[in-house]
Amino acid sequence: MSPLQNGGSGVQGGGVSKAHRREMVGEVISDKMDKTVVVVVKRLTRHAKYGKVIRRITKLKAHDEKNDCHVGDHVRVVETRPLSKDKHFRVLEIVKKATGI
């Protein structure tokens, strides 16, 4: 069946599917940039040879459209198209707000 016979959408199967996007939960460690936050994602992994559990961190820059996130907030980020040189995630939701002192 050609795309023209399929209603002109150009997509086989009739539905539009998006690629699987990674979602991660992390803590905001910097909100000094405009519409950008730095999120640290912590994970545990095992050493390949010795089996010891090792803590690993990943720092991500995420797009925060409304500047709602502040240092200490726990946020859910989702992978998106590249927004700048090293910003490839956007803030999906604030899971837990930081408690102010």
PDB file of N, CA and C in Angstrom:
ATOM      1  N   MET A   1       0.843  -1.171   0.000  1.00  0.00           N
ATOM      2  CA  MET A   1       0.000   0.000   0.000  1.00  0.00           C
ATOM      3  C   MET A   1       0.892   1.238   0.000  1.00  0.00           C
ATOM      4  N   SER A   2       0.672   2.141  -0.914  1.00  0.00           N
ATOM      5  CA  SER A   2       1.477   3.357  -1.000  1.00  0.00           C
ATOM      6  C   SER A   2       0.974   4.392   0.014  1.00  0.00           C
ATOM      7  N   PRO A   3       1.785   5.382   0.328  1.00  0.00           N
ATOM      8  CA  PRO A   3       1.348   6.412   1.274  1.00  0.00           C
ATOM      9  C   PRO A   3       0.101   7.154   0.814  1.00  0.00           C
ATOM     10  N   LEU A   4      -0.073   7.273  -0.497  1.00  0.00           N
ATOM     11  CA  LEU A   4      -1.260   7.965  -0.992  1.00  0.00           C
ATOM     12  C   LEU A   4      -2.519   7.145  -0.766  1.00  0.00           C
ATOM     13  N   GLN A   5      -2.402   5.827  -0.818  1.00  0.00           N
ATOM     14  CA  GLN A   5      -3.559   4.968  -0.577  1.00  0.00           C
ATOM     15  C   GLN A   5      -3.866   4.862   0.915  1.00  0.00           C
ATOM     16  N   ASN A   6      -2.902   5.209   1.768  1.00  0.00           N
ATOM     17  CA  ASN A   6      -3.066   5.097   3.211  1.00  0.00           C
ATOM     18  C   ASN A   6      -3.622   6.393   3.801  1.00  0.00           C
ATOM     19  N   GLY A   7      -4.280   7.184   3.037  1.00  0.00           N
ATOM     20  CA  GLY A   7      -4.868   8.412   3.547  1.00  0.00           C
ATOM     21  C   GLY A   7      -3.928   9.604   3.474  1.00  0.00           C
ATOM     22  N   GLY A   8      -2.764   9.427   2.843  1.00  0.00           N
ATOM     23  CA  GLY A   8      -1.857  10.538   2.660  1.00  0.00           C
ATOM     24  C   GLY A   8      -0.995  10.867   3.868  1.00  0.00           C
ATOM     25  N   SER A   9      -1.095  10.083   4.943  1.00  0.00           N
ATOM     26  CA  SER A   9      -0.319  10.423   6.136  1.00  0.00           C
ATOM     27  C   SER A   9       1.147  10.057   5.988  1.00  0.00           C
ATOM     28  N   GLY A  10       1.461   9.083   5.152  1.00  0.00           N
ATOM     29  CA  GLY A  10       2.841   8.689   4.967  1.00  0.00           C
ATOM     30  C   GLY A  10       3.351   7.766   6.059  1.00  0.00           C
ATOM     31  N   VAL A  11       2.487   7.362   6.969  1.00  0.00           N
ATOM     32  CA  VAL A  11       2.878   6.496   8.073  1.00  0.00           C
ATOM     33  C   VAL A  11       2.172   5.157   7.921  1.00  0.00           C
ATOM     34  N   GLN A  12       2.938   4.090   7.893  1.00  0.00           N
ATOM     35  CA  GLN A  12       2.340   2.771   7.814  1.00  0.00           C
ATOM     36  C   GLN A  12       1.731   2.416   9.159  1.00  0.00           C
ATOM     37  N   GLY A  13       0.588   1.803   9.187  1.00  0.00           N
ATOM     38  CA  GLY A  13      -0.037   1.405  10.430  1.00  0.00           C
ATOM     39  C   GLY A  13      -1.029   2.433  10.958  1.00  0.00           C
ATOM     40  N   GLY A  14      -1.009   3.623  10.427  1.00  0.00           N
ATOM     41  CA  GLY A  14      -2.022   4.608  10.772  1.00  0.00           C
ATOM     42  C   GLY A  14      -1.737   5.438  12.010  1.00  0.00           C
ATOM     43  N   GLY A  15      -0.840   5.001  12.915  1.00  0.00           N
ATOM     44  CA  GLY A  15      -0.603   5.768  14.136  1.00  0.00           C
ATOM     45  C   GLY A  15       0.793   6.372  14.149  1.00  0.00           C
ATOM     46  N   VAL A  16       0.940   7.448  14.876  1.00  0.00           N
ATOM     47  CA  VAL A  16       2.241   8.079  15.008  1.00  0.00           C
ATOM     48  C   VAL A  16       2.838   7.611  16.326  1.00  0.00           C
ATOM     49  N   SER A  17       4.026   7.000  16.277  1.00  0.00           N
ATOM     50  CA  SER A  17       4.662   6.527  17.505  1.00  0.00           C
ATOM     51  C   SER A  17       5.927   7.327  17.752  1.00  0.00           C
ATOM     52  N   LYS A  18       6.145   7.694  19.022  1.00  0.00           N
ATOM     53  CA  LYS A  18       7.349   8.426  19.389  1.00  0.00           C
ATOM     54  C   LYS A  18       8.369   7.446  19.919  1.00  0.00           C
ATOM     55  N   ALA A  19       9.622   7.781  19.760  1.00  0.00           N
ATOM     56  CA  ALA A  19      10.686   6.936  20.267  1.00  0.00           C
ATOM     57  C   ALA A  19      10.623   6.915  21.793  1.00  0.00           C
ATOM     58  N   HIS A  20      11.104   5.818  22.382  1.00  0.00           N
ATOM     59  CA  HIS A  20      11.132   5.710  23.830  1.00  0.00           C
ATOM     60  C   HIS A  20      12.109   6.739  24.384  1.00  0.00           C
ATOM     61  N   ARG A  21      11.631   7.560  25.302  1.00  0.00           N
ATOM     62  CA  ARG A  21      12.460   8.612  25.865  1.00  0.00           C
ATOM     63  C   ARG A  21      12.806   8.260  27.302  1.00  0.00           C
ATOM     64  N   ARG A  22      14.074   8.408  27.648  1.00  0.00           N
ATOM     65  CA  ARG A  22      14.518   8.087  28.998  1.00  0.00           C
ATOM     66  C   ARG A  22      13.931   9.076  29.997  1.00  0.00           C
ATOM     67  N   GLU A  23      13.480   8.548  31.126  1.00  0.00           N
ATOM     68  CA  GLU A  23      13.006   9.372  32.230  1.00  0.00           C
ATOM     69  C   GLU A  23      13.862   9.075  33.439  1.00  0.00           C
ATOM     70  N   MET A  24      14.241  10.125  34.167  1.00  0.00           N
ATOM     71  CA  MET A  24      15.050   9.953  35.359  1.00  0.00           C
ATOM     72  C   MET A  24      14.564  10.912  36.432  1.00  0.00           C
ATOM     73  N   VAL A  25      14.805  10.540  37.686  1.00  0.00           N
ATOM     74  CA  VAL A  25      14.479  11.400  38.810  1.00  0.00           C
ATOM     75  C   VAL A  25      15.787  11.809  39.468  1.00  0.00           C
ATOM     76  N   GLY A  26      15.947  13.096  39.721  1.00  0.00           N
ATOM     77  CA  GLY A  26      17.173  13.585  40.333  1.00  0.00           C
ATOM     78  C   GLY A  26      16.915  14.832  41.154  1.00  0.00           C
ATOM     79  N   GLU A  27      17.989  15.360  41.723  1.00  0.00           N
ATOM     80  CA  GLU A  27      17.905  16.522  42.585  1.00  0.00           C
ATOM     81  C   GLU A  27      18.543  17.723  41.897  1.00  0.00           C
ATOM     82  N   VAL A  28      17.888  18.868  41.988  1.00  0.00           N
ATOM     83  CA  VAL A  28      18.409  20.098  41.401  1.00  0.00           C
ATOM     84  C   VAL A  28      19.564  20.604  42.268  1.00  0.00           C
ATOM     85  N   ILE A  29      20.724  20.819  41.640  1.00  0.00           N
ATOM     86  CA  ILE A  29      21.873  21.328  42.393  1.00  0.00           C
ATOM     87  C   ILE A  29      22.234  22.751  41.980  1.00  0.00           C
ATOM     88  N   SER A  30      21.673  23.238  40.873  1.00  0.00           N
ATOM     89  CA  SER A  30      21.928  24.617  40.451  1.00  0.00           C
ATOM     90  C   SER A  30      20.750  25.126  39.633  1.00  0.00           C
ATOM     91  N   ASP A  31      20.334  26.354  39.927  1.00  0.00           N
ATOM     92  CA  ASP A  31      19.259  26.986  39.146  1.00  0.00           C
ATOM     93  C   ASP A  31      19.643  28.412  38.758  1.00  0.00           C
ATOM     94  N   LYS A  32      20.938  28.657  38.605  1.00  0.00           N
ATOM     95  CA  LYS A  32      21.426  30.010  38.351  1.00  0.00           C
ATOM     96  C   LYS A  32      21.233  30.465  36.911  1.00  0.00           C
ATOM     97  N   MET A  33      21.053  29.528  35.984  1.00  0.00           N
ATOM     98  CA  MET A  33      20.861  29.899  34.580  1.00  0.00           C
ATOM     99  C   MET A  33      19.385  30.173  34.305  1.00  0.00           C
ATOM    100  N   ASP A  34      19.114  30.945  33.278  1.00  0.00           N
ATOM    101  CA  ASP A  34      17.741  31.256  32.907  1.00  0.00           C
ATOM    102  C   ASP A  34      17.135  30.077  32.165  1.00  0.00           C
ATOM    103  N   LYS A  35      16.021  29.563  32.690  1.00  0.00           N
ATOM    104  CA  LYS A  35      15.270  28.449  32.097  1.00  0.00           C
ATOM    105  C   LYS A  35      16.079  27.153  32.001  1.00  0.00           C
ATOM    106  N   THR A  36      17.121  27.021  32.815  1.00  0.00           N
ATOM    107  CA  THR A  36      17.938  25.811  32.826  1.00  0.00           C
ATOM    108  C   THR A  36      18.287  25.462  34.256  1.00  0.00           C
ATOM    109  N   VAL A  37      18.208  24.164  34.583  1.00  0.00           N
ATOM    110  CA  VAL A  37      18.636  23.677  35.889  1.00  0.00           C
ATOM    111  C   VAL A  37      19.628  22.545  35.683  1.00  0.00           C
ATOM    112  N   VAL A  38      20.522  22.379  36.654  1.00  0.00           N
ATOM    113  CA  VAL A  38      21.446  21.251  36.635  1.00  0.00           C
ATOM    114  C   VAL A  38      20.897  20.233  37.629  1.00  0.00           C
ATOM    115  N   VAL A  39      20.684  19.006  37.141  1.00  0.00           N
ATOM    116  CA  VAL A  39      20.099  17.935  37.940  1.00  0.00           C
ATOM    117  C   VAL A  39      21.138  16.844  38.099  1.00  0.00           C
ATOM    118  N   VAL A  40      21.302  16.339  39.330  1.00  0.00           N
ATOM    119  CA  VAL A  40      22.218  15.233  39.566  1.00  0.00           C
ATOM    120  C   VAL A  40      21.368  13.977  39.791  1.00  0.00           C
ATOM    121  N   VAL A  41      21.681  12.931  39.008  1.00  0.00           N
ATOM    122  CA  VAL A  41      20.998  11.647  39.115  1.00  0.00           C
ATOM    123  C   VAL A  41      21.969  10.671  39.749  1.00  0.00           C
ATOM    124  N   LYS A  42      21.567  10.079  40.886  1.00  0.00           N
ATOM    125  CA  LYS A  42      22.426   9.137  41.596  1.00  0.00           C
ATOM    126  C   LYS A  42      21.957   7.719  41.317  1.00  0.00           C
ATOM    127  N   ARG A  43      22.925   6.806  41.130  1.00  0.00           N
ATOM    128  CA  ARG A  43      22.590   5.399  40.897  1.00  0.00           C
ATOM    129  C   ARG A  43      23.661   4.525  41.514  1.00  0.00           C
ATOM    130  N   LEU A  44      23.304   3.284  41.764  1.00  0.00           N
ATOM    131  CA  LEU A  44      24.237   2.297  42.294  1.00  0.00           C
ATOM    132  C   LEU A  44      24.527   1.276  41.203  1.00  0.00           C
ATOM    133  N   THR A  45      25.790   0.885  41.084  1.00  0.00           N
ATOM    134  CA  THR A  45      26.172  -0.120  40.105  1.00  0.00           C
ATOM    135  C   THR A  45      27.212  -1.031  40.732  1.00  0.00           C
ATOM    136  N   ARG A  46      27.373  -2.207  40.185  1.00  0.00           N
ATOM    137  CA  ARG A  46      28.368  -3.148  40.690  1.00  0.00           C
ATOM    138  C   ARG A  46      29.631  -3.082  39.850  1.00  0.00           C
ATOM    139  N   HIS A  47      30.771  -3.172  40.519  1.00  0.00           N
ATOM    140  CA  HIS A  47      32.043  -3.222  39.821  1.00  0.00           C
ATOM    141  C   HIS A  47      32.098  -4.505  39.007  1.00  0.00           C
ATOM    142  N   ALA A  48      32.563  -4.420  37.761  1.00  0.00           N
ATOM    143  CA  ALA A  48      32.538  -5.567  36.849  1.00  0.00           C
ATOM    144  C   ALA A  48      33.383  -6.736  37.365  1.00  0.00           C
ATOM    145  N   LYS A  49      34.538  -6.446  37.940  1.00  0.00           N
ATOM    146  CA  LYS A  49      35.438  -7.521  38.363  1.00  0.00           C
ATOM    147  C   LYS A  49      35.241  -7.909  39.828  1.00  0.00           C
ATOM    148  N   TYR A  50      35.136  -6.923  40.717  1.00  0.00           N
ATOM    149  CA  TYR A  50      35.148  -7.205  42.143  1.00  0.00           C
ATOM    150  C   TYR A  50      33.762  -7.286  42.780  1.00  0.00           C
ATOM    151  N   GLY A  51      32.757  -6.792  42.100  1.00  0.00           N
ATOM    152  CA  GLY A  51      31.393  -6.923  42.605  1.00  0.00           C
ATOM    153  C   GLY A  51      31.003  -5.913  43.668  1.00  0.00           C
ATOM    154  N   LYS A  52      31.902  -5.021  44.047  1.00  0.00           N
ATOM    155  CA  LYS A  52      31.581  -4.012  45.055  1.00  0.00           C
ATOM    156  C   LYS A  52      30.558  -3.023  44.499  1.00  0.00           C
ATOM    157  N   VAL A  53      29.606  -2.614  45.340  1.00  0.00           N
ATOM    158  CA  VAL A  53      28.606  -1.642  44.926  1.00  0.00           C
ATOM    159  C   VAL A  53      29.242  -0.256  44.938  1.00  0.00           C
ATOM    160  N   ILE A  54      29.113   0.455  43.824  1.00  0.00           N
ATOM    161  CA  ILE A  54      29.728   1.758  43.642  1.00  0.00           C
ATOM    162  C   ILE A  54      28.629   2.789  43.404  1.00  0.00           C
ATOM    163  N   ARG A  55      28.770   3.952  44.034  1.00  0.00           N
ATOM    164  CA  ARG A  55      27.848   5.058  43.777  1.00  0.00           C
ATOM    165  C   ARG A  55      28.333   5.823  42.557  1.00  0.00           C
ATOM    166  N   ARG A  56      27.428   6.073  41.634  1.00  0.00           N
ATOM    167  CA  ARG A  56      27.745   6.860  40.437  1.00  0.00           C
ATOM    168  C   ARG A  56      26.771   8.028  40.356  1.00  0.00           C
ATOM    169  N   ILE A  57      27.247   9.179  39.851  1.00  0.00           N
ATOM    170  CA  ILE A  57      26.356  10.313  39.639  1.00  0.00           C
ATOM    171  C   ILE A  57      26.445  10.760  38.189  1.00  0.00           C
ATOM    172  N   THR A  58      25.367  11.332  37.706  1.00  0.00           N
ATOM    173  CA  THR A  58      25.311  11.900  36.365  1.00  0.00           C
ATOM    174  C   THR A  58      24.718  13.295  36.488  1.00  0.00           C
ATOM    175  N   LYS A  59      25.419  14.294  35.963  1.00  0.00           N
ATOM    176  CA  LYS A  59      24.899  15.662  35.967  1.00  0.00           C
ATOM    177  C   LYS A  59      24.272  15.944  34.611  1.00  0.00           C
ATOM    178  N   LEU A  60      23.026  16.401  34.641  1.00  0.00           N
ATOM    179  CA  LEU A  60      22.286  16.713  33.420  1.00  0.00           C
ATOM    180  C   LEU A  60      21.838  18.158  33.467  1.00  0.00           C
ATOM    181  N   LYS A  61      21.841  18.810  32.323  1.00  0.00           N
ATOM    182  CA  LYS A  61      21.224  20.126  32.216  1.00  0.00           C
ATOM    183  C   LYS A  61      19.840  19.917  31.627  1.00  0.00           C
ATOM    184  N   ALA A  62      18.846  20.503  32.281  1.00  0.00           N
ATOM    185  CA  ALA A  62      17.460  20.300  31.865  1.00  0.00           C
ATOM    186  C   ALA A  62      16.771  21.648  31.674  1.00  0.00           C
ATOM    187  N   HIS A  63      15.862  21.683  30.717  1.00  0.00           N
ATOM    188  CA  HIS A  63      15.109  22.897  30.400  1.00  0.00           C
ATOM    189  C   HIS A  63      13.947  23.046  31.376  1.00  0.00           C
ATOM    190  N   ASP A  64      13.851  24.208  32.021  1.00  0.00           N
ATOM    191  CA  ASP A  64      12.790  24.528  32.973  1.00  0.00           C
ATOM    192  C   ASP A  64      12.093  25.779  32.456  1.00  0.00           C
ATOM    193  N   GLU A  65      11.037  25.597  31.687  1.00  0.00           N
ATOM    194  CA  GLU A  65      10.395  26.687  30.954  1.00  0.00           C
ATOM    195  C   GLU A  65       9.927  27.825  31.866  1.00  0.00           C
ATOM    196  N   LYS A  66       9.362  27.498  33.033  1.00  0.00           N
ATOM    197  CA  LYS A  66       8.770  28.529  33.891  1.00  0.00           C
ATOM    198  C   LYS A  66       9.669  28.947  35.047  1.00  0.00           C
ATOM    199  N   ASN A  67      10.892  28.446  35.103  1.00  0.00           N
ATOM    200  CA  ASN A  67      11.810  28.729  36.206  1.00  0.00           C
ATOM    201  C   ASN A  67      11.197  28.394  37.560  1.00  0.00           C
ATOM    202  N   ASP A  68      10.480  27.262  37.635  1.00  0.00           N
ATOM    203  CA  ASP A  68       9.829  26.827  38.869  1.00  0.00           C
ATOM    204  C   ASP A  68      10.768  26.066  39.799  1.00  0.00           C
ATOM    205  N   CYS A  69      11.798  25.443  39.268  1.00  0.00           N
ATOM    206  CA  CYS A  69      12.668  24.572  40.062  1.00  0.00           C
ATOM    207  C   CYS A  69      13.708  25.392  40.815  1.00  0.00           C
ATOM    208  N   HIS A  70      14.001  24.937  42.027  1.00  0.00           N
ATOM    209  CA  HIS A  70      15.016  25.581  42.853  1.00  0.00           C
ATOM    210  C   HIS A  70      15.923  24.516  43.438  1.00  0.00           C
ATOM    211  N   VAL A  71      17.051  24.934  43.988  1.00  0.00           N
ATOM    212  CA  VAL A  71      18.034  24.004  44.540  1.00  0.00           C
ATOM    213  C   VAL A  71      17.384  23.163  45.634  1.00  0.00           C
ATOM    214  N   GLY A  72      17.593  21.854  45.552  1.00  0.00           N
ATOM    215  CA  GLY A  72      17.055  20.933  46.541  1.00  0.00           C
ATOM    216  C   GLY A  72      15.784  20.233  46.100  1.00  0.00           C
ATOM    217  N   ASP A  73      15.117  20.723  45.064  1.00  0.00           N
ATOM    218  CA  ASP A  73      13.906  20.068  44.559  1.00  0.00           C
ATOM    219  C   ASP A  73      14.261  18.731  43.912  1.00  0.00           C
ATOM    220  N   HIS A  74      13.373  17.758  44.063  1.00  0.00           N
ATOM    221  CA  HIS A  74      13.500  16.498  43.332  1.00  0.00           C
ATOM    222  C   HIS A  74      12.590  16.592  42.111  1.00  0.00           C
ATOM    223  N   VAL A  75      13.150  16.371  40.922  1.00  0.00           N
ATOM    224  CA  VAL A  75      12.403  16.552  39.683  1.00  0.00           C
ATOM    225  C   VAL A  75      12.503  15.311  38.806  1.00  0.00           C
ATOM    226  N   ARG A  76      11.498  15.141  37.946  1.00  0.00           N
ATOM    227  CA  ARG A  76      11.520  14.084  36.934  1.00  0.00           C
ATOM    228  C   ARG A  76      11.867  14.759  35.612  1.00  0.00           C
ATOM    229  N   VAL A  77      12.921  14.261  34.949  1.00  0.00           N
ATOM    230  CA  VAL A  77      13.340  14.818  33.667  1.00  0.00           C
ATOM    231  C   VAL A  77      13.147  13.771  32.583  1.00  0.00           C
ATOM    232  N   VAL A  78      12.897  14.236  31.379  1.00  0.00           N
ATOM    233  CA  VAL A  78      12.686  13.341  30.244  1.00  0.00           C
ATOM    234  C   VAL A  78      13.582  13.795  29.102  1.00  0.00           C
ATOM    235  N   GLU A  79      14.107  12.826  28.363  1.00  0.00           N
ATOM    236  CA  GLU A  79      14.989  13.109  27.240  1.00  0.00           C
ATOM    237  C   GLU A  79      14.201  13.780  26.124  1.00  0.00           C
ATOM    238  N   THR A  80      14.844  14.718  25.453  1.00  0.00           N
ATOM    239  CA  THR A  80      14.196  15.448  24.366  1.00  0.00           C
ATOM    240  C   THR A  80      15.240  15.761  23.299  1.00  0.00           C
ATOM    241  N   ARG A  81      14.835  16.458  22.275  1.00  0.00           N
ATOM    242  CA  ARG A  81      15.786  16.825  21.229  1.00  0.00           C
ATOM    243  C   ARG A  81      16.825  17.782  21.825  1.00  0.00           C
ATOM    244  N   PRO A  82      18.001  17.881  21.219  1.00  0.00           N
ATOM    245  CA  PRO A  82      19.010  18.806  21.747  1.00  0.00           C
ATOM    246  C   PRO A  82      18.498  20.252  21.727  1.00  0.00           C
ATOM    247  N   LEU A  83      18.553  20.889  22.887  1.00  0.00           N
ATOM    248  CA  LEU A  83      18.108  22.270  23.006  1.00  0.00           C
ATOM    249  C   LEU A  83      19.288  23.238  22.975  1.00  0.00           C
ATOM    250  N   SER A  84      20.472  22.744  23.293  1.00  0.00           N
ATOM    251  CA  SER A  84      21.695  23.532  23.206  1.00  0.00           C
ATOM    252  C   SER A  84      22.860  22.546  23.155  1.00  0.00           C
ATOM    253  N   LYS A  85      24.070  23.046  23.332  1.00  0.00           N
ATOM    254  CA  LYS A  85      25.253  22.193  23.231  1.00  0.00           C
ATOM    255  C   LYS A  85      25.200  21.005  24.185  1.00  0.00           C
ATOM    256  N   ASP A  86      24.799  21.240  25.434  1.00  0.00           N
ATOM    257  CA  ASP A  86      24.754  20.125  26.383  1.00  0.00           C
ATOM    258  C   ASP A  86      23.448  20.050  27.161  1.00  0.00           C
ATOM    259  N   LYS A  87      22.376  20.570  26.611  1.00  0.00           N
ATOM    260  CA  LYS A  87      21.057  20.469  27.249  1.00  0.00           C
ATOM    261  C   LYS A  87      20.160  19.590  26.374  1.00  0.00           C
ATOM    262  N   HIS A  88      19.886  18.356  26.875  1.00  0.00           N
ATOM    263  CA  HIS A  88      19.117  17.377  26.106  1.00  0.00           C
ATOM    264  C   HIS A  88      17.938  16.819  26.895  1.00  0.00           C
ATOM    265  N   PHE A  89      17.607  17.437  28.016  1.00  0.00           N
ATOM    266  CA  PHE A  89      16.510  16.980  28.853  1.00  0.00           C
ATOM    267  C   PHE A  89      15.617  18.150  29.172  1.00  0.00           C
ATOM    268  N   ARG A  90      14.364  17.855  29.552  1.00  0.00           N
ATOM    269  CA  ARG A  90      13.472  18.904  30.034  1.00  0.00           C
ATOM    270  C   ARG A  90      12.784  18.410  31.297  1.00  0.00           C
ATOM    271  N   VAL A  91      12.409  19.350  32.153  1.00  0.00           N
ATOM    272  CA  VAL A  91      11.760  19.014  33.412  1.00  0.00           C
ATOM    273  C   VAL A  91      10.314  18.639  33.124  1.00  0.00           C
ATOM    274  N   LEU A  92       9.938  17.421  33.523  1.00  0.00           N
ATOM    275  CA  LEU A  92       8.576  16.942  33.318  1.00  0.00           C
ATOM    276  C   LEU A  92       7.687  17.366  34.476  1.00  0.00           C
ATOM    277  N   GLU A  93       8.178  17.185  35.707  1.00  0.00           N
ATOM    278  CA  GLU A  93       7.405  17.572  36.882  1.00  0.00           C
ATOM    279  C   GLU A  93       8.332  17.716  38.077  1.00  0.00           C
ATOM    280  N   ILE A  94       7.867  18.448  39.067  1.00  0.00           N
ATOM    281  CA  ILE A  94       8.578  18.546  40.336  1.00  0.00           C
ATOM    282  C   ILE A  94       7.971  17.488  41.243  1.00  0.00           C
ATOM    283  N   VAL A  95       8.775  16.490  41.608  1.00  0.00           N
ATOM    284  CA  VAL A  95       8.283  15.388  42.434  1.00  0.00           C
ATOM    285  C   VAL A  95       8.130  15.839  43.884  1.00  0.00           C
ATOM    286  N   LYS A  96       9.136  16.559  44.391  1.00  0.00           N
ATOM    287  CA  LYS A  96       9.117  17.005  45.791  1.00  0.00           C
ATOM    288  C   LYS A  96       9.851  18.333  45.899  1.00  0.00           C
ATOM    289  N   LYS A  97       9.184  19.323  46.483  1.00  0.00           N
ATOM    290  CA  LYS A  97       9.783  20.629  46.671  1.00  0.00           C
ATOM    291  C   LYS A  97      10.777  20.568  47.827  1.00  0.00           C
ATOM    292  N   ALA A  98      11.813  21.390  47.775  1.00  0.00           N
ATOM    293  CA  ALA A  98      12.790  21.479  48.850  1.00  0.00           C
ATOM    294  C   ALA A  98      12.169  22.181  50.047  1.00  0.00           C
ATOM    295  N   THR A  99      12.564  21.738  51.226  1.00  0.00           N
ATOM    296  CA  THR A  99      12.064  22.402  52.435  1.00  0.00           C
ATOM    297  C   THR A  99      12.964  23.582  52.745  1.00  0.00           C
ATOM    298  N   GLY A 100      12.405  24.759  52.856  1.00  0.00           N
ATOM    299  CA  GLY A 100      13.182  25.966  53.130  1.00  0.00           C
ATOM    300  C   GLY A 100      13.503  26.099  54.604  1.00  0.00           C
ATOM    301  N   ILE A 101      14.671  26.648  54.878  1.00  0.00           N
ATOM    302  CA  ILE A 101      15.081  26.833  56.281  1.00  0.00           C
ATOM    303  C   ILE A 101      14.820  28.259  56.694  1.00  0.00           C
TER     304      ILE A 101
END
